[in-house]
Structures are given as C-alpha cells and as structure tokens.
Amino acid sequence: MILTVFLSNNEQILTEVPITPETTCRDVVEFCKEPGEGSCHLAEVWRGNERPIPFDHMMYEHLQKWGPRREEVKFFLRHEDSPTESNEQGGRQTQEQRTQRNVMSAPAEKRTENGLLYLGL
C-alpha cells in the first residue's frame, strides 16, 4: 500500500510512503522529514477537520479503517510538535478559566447571589 503525504500546505510538494502492516506513524514521519529536521508530526485532514496521528499508531490498520473514503482523506507532514491530549485539555481549562474570570469581573451593581439578581452598589 502507498500513502501520499503532502509536505506543504499548498499540496504541490509530496512524497509517497510504502506502508506495510508493521509501519507506524513515526516511521512515516521519519521517512518524510529532512535529515536533521526538528519535531514533526503527521496530520490527517478530512472535510476540513485536521487531526494529529499518534506516533505509535499503526498506519496500515488506520488506512484500512477509512475503507472507500480513504480517497477523501489527505495526510500532511506538519513541521511542528504534535499537540498532545494534555495540551488540548489545558487549552480547554484555560478557556474555562477565562470564562470564569469574565463572570467574576461583572460589574458590581449587577450580580447574582442565591439565584437572585441584585442591582445596586
């Protein structure tokens, strides 16, 4: 099986990677990146949604799961660290904290206590 990996966003530079049942995502990334290049990760894009693929993911199985829709999926080598679940969760927590800060910084004359809205000083 052959996997086409785009090396840039404009989809003009690509490489074709041979995939066997033992091929991991890390193998694909190592195959695609330049010697001495820093952190990279493989991302799949389907219908405008991008998802990083974990390094230990078995690519043959992954491609098999797409079945006939495989032609709709594009794979890109991203020249940056792979986002991790902990970073994504941290990002969500930061958003929640921002929301809490916005609620807490509401004007003093409009506040809610015990389900009642207090207007005044």
C-alpha atoms as a PDB file:
ATOM      1  CA  MET A   1       0.000   0.000   0.000  1.00  0.00           C
ATOM      2  CA  ILE A   2       1.244   3.525  -0.792  1.00  0.00           C
ATOM      3  CA  LEU A   3       0.432   6.603   1.315  1.00  0.00           C
ATOM      4  CA  THR A   4       0.700  10.059  -0.253  1.00  0.00           C
ATOM      5  CA  VAL A   5       1.948  12.637   2.253  1.00  0.00           C
ATOM      6  CA  PHE A   6       1.903  16.329   1.426  1.00  0.00           C
ATOM      7  CA  LEU A   7       4.963  18.156   2.716  1.00  0.00           C
ATOM      8  CA  SER A   8       3.436  21.633   2.494  1.00  0.00           C
ATOM      9  CA  ASN A   9       0.002  23.249   2.738  1.00  0.00           C
ATOM     10  CA  ASN A  10      -0.196  24.081  -0.959  1.00  0.00           C
ATOM     11  CA  GLU A  11      -0.245  20.337  -1.789  1.00  0.00           C
ATOM     12  CA  GLN A  12       2.380  20.789  -4.522  1.00  0.00           C
ATOM     13  CA  ILE A  13       5.220  19.021  -2.721  1.00  0.00           C
ATOM     14  CA  LEU A  14       4.510  15.439  -1.767  1.00  0.00           C
ATOM     15  CA  THR A  15       6.115  12.081  -1.203  1.00  0.00           C
ATOM     16  CA  GLU A  16       4.790   8.573  -1.454  1.00  0.00           C
ATOM     17  CA  VAL A  17       5.450   6.283   1.502  1.00  0.00           C
ATOM     18  CA  PRO A  18       5.245   2.481   1.273  1.00  0.00           C
ATOM     19  CA  ILE A  19       3.026   1.148   4.069  1.00  0.00           C
ATOM     20  CA  THR A  20       3.210  -2.377   5.486  1.00  0.00           C
ATOM     21  CA  PRO A  21       1.224  -3.868   8.377  1.00  0.00           C
ATOM     22  CA  GLU A  22       4.177  -3.019  10.684  1.00  0.00           C
ATOM     23  CA  THR A  23       4.503   0.652   9.644  1.00  0.00           C
ATOM     24  CA  THR A  24       3.877   3.146  12.441  1.00  0.00           C
ATOM     25  CA  CYS A  25       3.120   6.829  12.143  1.00  0.00           C
ATOM     26  CA  ARG A  26       6.628   7.503  13.494  1.00  0.00           C
ATOM     27  CA  ASP A  27       8.050   5.519  10.557  1.00  0.00           C
ATOM     28  CA  VAL A  28       6.086   7.698   8.125  1.00  0.00           C
ATOM     29  CA  VAL A  29       7.266  10.914   9.788  1.00  0.00           C
ATOM     30  CA  GLU A  30      10.898   9.748   9.755  1.00  0.00           C
ATOM     31  CA  PHE A  31      10.564   8.786   6.082  1.00  0.00           C
ATOM     32  CA  CYS A  32       9.156  12.210   5.137  1.00  0.00           C
ATOM     33  CA  LYS A  33      11.167  14.708   7.136  1.00  0.00           C
ATOM     34  CA  GLU A  34      14.529  16.095   6.100  1.00  0.00           C
ATOM     35  CA  PRO A  35      17.691  14.795   7.817  1.00  0.00           C
ATOM     36  CA  GLY A  36      18.342  16.862  10.942  1.00  0.00           C
ATOM     37  CA  GLU A  37      14.897  18.477  10.816  1.00  0.00           C
ATOM     38  CA  GLY A  38      13.338  19.104  14.222  1.00  0.00           C
ATOM     39  CA  SER A  39       9.976  17.978  15.529  1.00  0.00           C
ATOM     40  CA  CYS A  40       7.324  16.981  13.011  1.00  0.00           C
ATOM     41  CA  HIS A  41       4.045  15.117  13.132  1.00  0.00           C
ATOM     42  CA  LEU A  42       1.620  13.550  10.701  1.00  0.00           C
ATOM     43  CA  ALA A  43      -1.867  15.010  10.440  1.00  0.00           C
ATOM     44  CA  GLU A  44      -4.898  13.772   8.546  1.00  0.00           C
ATOM     45  CA  VAL A  45      -7.375  16.204   7.042  1.00  0.00           C
ATOM     46  CA  TRP A  46     -10.902  15.122   6.162  1.00  0.00           C
ATOM     47  CA  ARG A  47     -13.696  17.521   5.252  1.00  0.00           C
ATOM     48  CA  GLY A  48     -11.757  20.461   6.652  1.00  0.00           C
ATOM     49  CA  ASN A  49     -11.073  18.799  10.020  1.00  0.00           C
ATOM     50  CA  GLU A  50      -7.467  18.159  10.974  1.00  0.00           C
ATOM     51  CA  ARG A  51      -6.341  15.558  13.486  1.00  0.00           C
ATOM     52  CA  PRO A  52      -2.782  14.691  14.537  1.00  0.00           C
ATOM     53  CA  ILE A  53      -1.988  10.987  14.377  1.00  0.00           C
ATOM     54  CA  PRO A  54      -0.205   9.478  17.411  1.00  0.00           C
ATOM     55  CA  PHE A  55       3.354   8.264  16.700  1.00  0.00           C
ATOM     56  CA  ASP A  56       2.610   4.697  17.811  1.00  0.00           C
ATOM     57  CA  HIS A  57      -0.458   4.405  15.547  1.00  0.00           C
ATOM     58  CA  MET A  58      -0.317   1.518  13.042  1.00  0.00           C
ATOM     59  CA  MET A  59      -0.812   3.146   9.662  1.00  0.00           C
ATOM     60  CA  TYR A  60      -1.899   0.086   7.676  1.00  0.00           C
ATOM     61  CA  GLU A  61      -4.809  -0.536  10.055  1.00  0.00           C
ATOM     62  CA  HIS A  62      -5.624   3.170  10.071  1.00  0.00           C
ATOM     63  CA  LEU A  63      -5.863   3.316   6.292  1.00  0.00           C
ATOM     64  CA  GLN A  64      -7.924   0.121   6.198  1.00  0.00           C
ATOM     65  CA  LYS A  65     -10.483   1.656   8.571  1.00  0.00           C
ATOM     66  CA  TRP A  66     -11.100   4.522   6.128  1.00  0.00           C
ATOM     67  CA  GLY A  67     -12.170   1.977   3.504  1.00  0.00           C
ATOM     68  CA  PRO A  68     -13.613   3.595   0.359  1.00  0.00           C
ATOM     69  CA  ARG A  69     -13.467   7.043   1.978  1.00  0.00           C
ATOM     70  CA  ARG A  70      -9.675   6.867   2.006  1.00  0.00           C
ATOM     71  CA  GLU A  71      -9.595   8.938  -1.182  1.00  0.00           C
ATOM     72  CA  GLU A  72     -11.262  11.817   0.723  1.00  0.00           C
ATOM     73  CA  VAL A  73      -8.506  11.957   3.366  1.00  0.00           C
ATOM     74  CA  LYS A  74      -5.254  13.862   2.901  1.00  0.00           C
ATOM     75  CA  PHE A  75      -2.165  13.417   5.039  1.00  0.00           C
ATOM     76  CA  PHE A  76       0.212  16.275   5.795  1.00  0.00           C
ATOM     77  CA  LEU A  77       3.612  16.391   7.428  1.00  0.00           C
ATOM     78  CA  ARG A  78       3.428  19.263   9.912  1.00  0.00           C
ATOM     79  CA  HIS A  79       6.748  20.851  10.783  1.00  0.00           C
ATOM     80  CA  GLU A  80       5.959  21.352  14.469  1.00  0.00           C
ATOM     81  CA  ASP A  81       5.485  19.336  17.647  1.00  0.00           C
ATOM     82  CA  SER A  82       2.395  17.180  17.763  1.00  0.00           C
ATOM     83  CA  PRO A  83      -0.275  18.562  20.064  1.00  0.00           C
ATOM     84  CA  THR A  84      -0.891  16.168  22.942  1.00  0.00           C
ATOM     85  CA  GLU A  85      -4.084  15.424  24.808  1.00  0.00           C
ATOM     86  CA  SER A  86      -2.764  17.153  27.896  1.00  0.00           C
ATOM     87  CA  ASN A  87      -2.129  20.327  25.903  1.00  0.00           C
ATOM     88  CA  GLU A  88      -5.611  20.175  24.433  1.00  0.00           C
ATOM     89  CA  GLN A  89      -7.131  19.685  27.879  1.00  0.00           C
ATOM     90  CA  GLY A  90      -5.004  22.527  29.216  1.00  0.00           C
ATOM     91  CA  GLY A  91      -6.332  24.720  26.422  1.00  0.00           C
ATOM     92  CA  ARG A  92      -9.894  23.874  27.417  1.00  0.00           C
ATOM     93  CA  GLN A  93      -9.152  24.595  31.047  1.00  0.00           C
ATOM     94  CA  THR A  94      -7.677  27.924  30.077  1.00  0.00           C
ATOM     95  CA  GLN A  95     -10.864  28.768  28.172  1.00  0.00           C
ATOM     96  CA  GLU A  96     -12.957  27.753  31.193  1.00  0.00           C
ATOM     97  CA  GLN A  97     -10.764  29.882  33.439  1.00  0.00           C
ATOM     98  CA  ARG A  98     -11.196  32.827  31.055  1.00  0.00           C
ATOM     99  CA  THR A  99     -14.960  32.365  31.177  1.00  0.00           C
ATOM    100  CA  GLN A 100     -14.880  32.240  34.977  1.00  0.00           C
ATOM    101  CA  ARG A 101     -12.766  35.403  35.076  1.00  0.00           C
ATOM    102  CA  ASN A 102     -15.238  37.179  32.790  1.00  0.00           C
ATOM    103  CA  VAL A 103     -18.156  36.173  35.020  1.00  0.00           C
ATOM    104  CA  MET A 104     -16.280  37.215  38.151  1.00  0.00           C
ATOM    105  CA  SER A 105     -15.394  40.582  36.660  1.00  0.00           C
ATOM    106  CA  ALA A 106     -19.030  41.506  36.010  1.00  0.00           C
ATOM    107  CA  PRO A 107     -19.960  44.985  37.265  1.00  0.00           C
ATOM    108  CA  ALA A 108     -20.653  45.126  40.998  1.00  0.00           C
ATOM    109  CA  GLU A 109     -24.065  46.692  40.500  1.00  0.00           C
ATOM    110  CA  LYS A 110     -25.271  43.577  38.627  1.00  0.00           C
ATOM    111  CA  ARG A 111     -24.527  40.349  40.449  1.00  0.00           C
ATOM    112  CA  THR A 112     -26.321  37.154  41.278  1.00  0.00           C
ATOM    113  CA  GLU A 113     -26.430  35.618  44.762  1.00  0.00           C
ATOM    114  CA  ASN A 114     -28.519  32.583  45.663  1.00  0.00           C
ATOM    115  CA  GLY A 115     -30.275  32.790  42.283  1.00  0.00           C
ATOM    116  CA  LEU A 116     -31.392  36.421  42.815  1.00  0.00           C
ATOM    117  CA  LEU A 117     -30.167  39.325  40.729  1.00  0.00           C
ATOM    118  CA  TYR A 118     -29.001  42.271  42.846  1.00  0.00           C
ATOM    119  CA  LEU A 119     -28.936  45.686  41.271  1.00  0.00           C
ATOM    120  CA  GLY A 120     -27.142  48.406  43.115  1.00  0.00           C
ATOM    121  CA  LEU A 121     -23.845  49.104  44.859  1.00  0.00           C
END
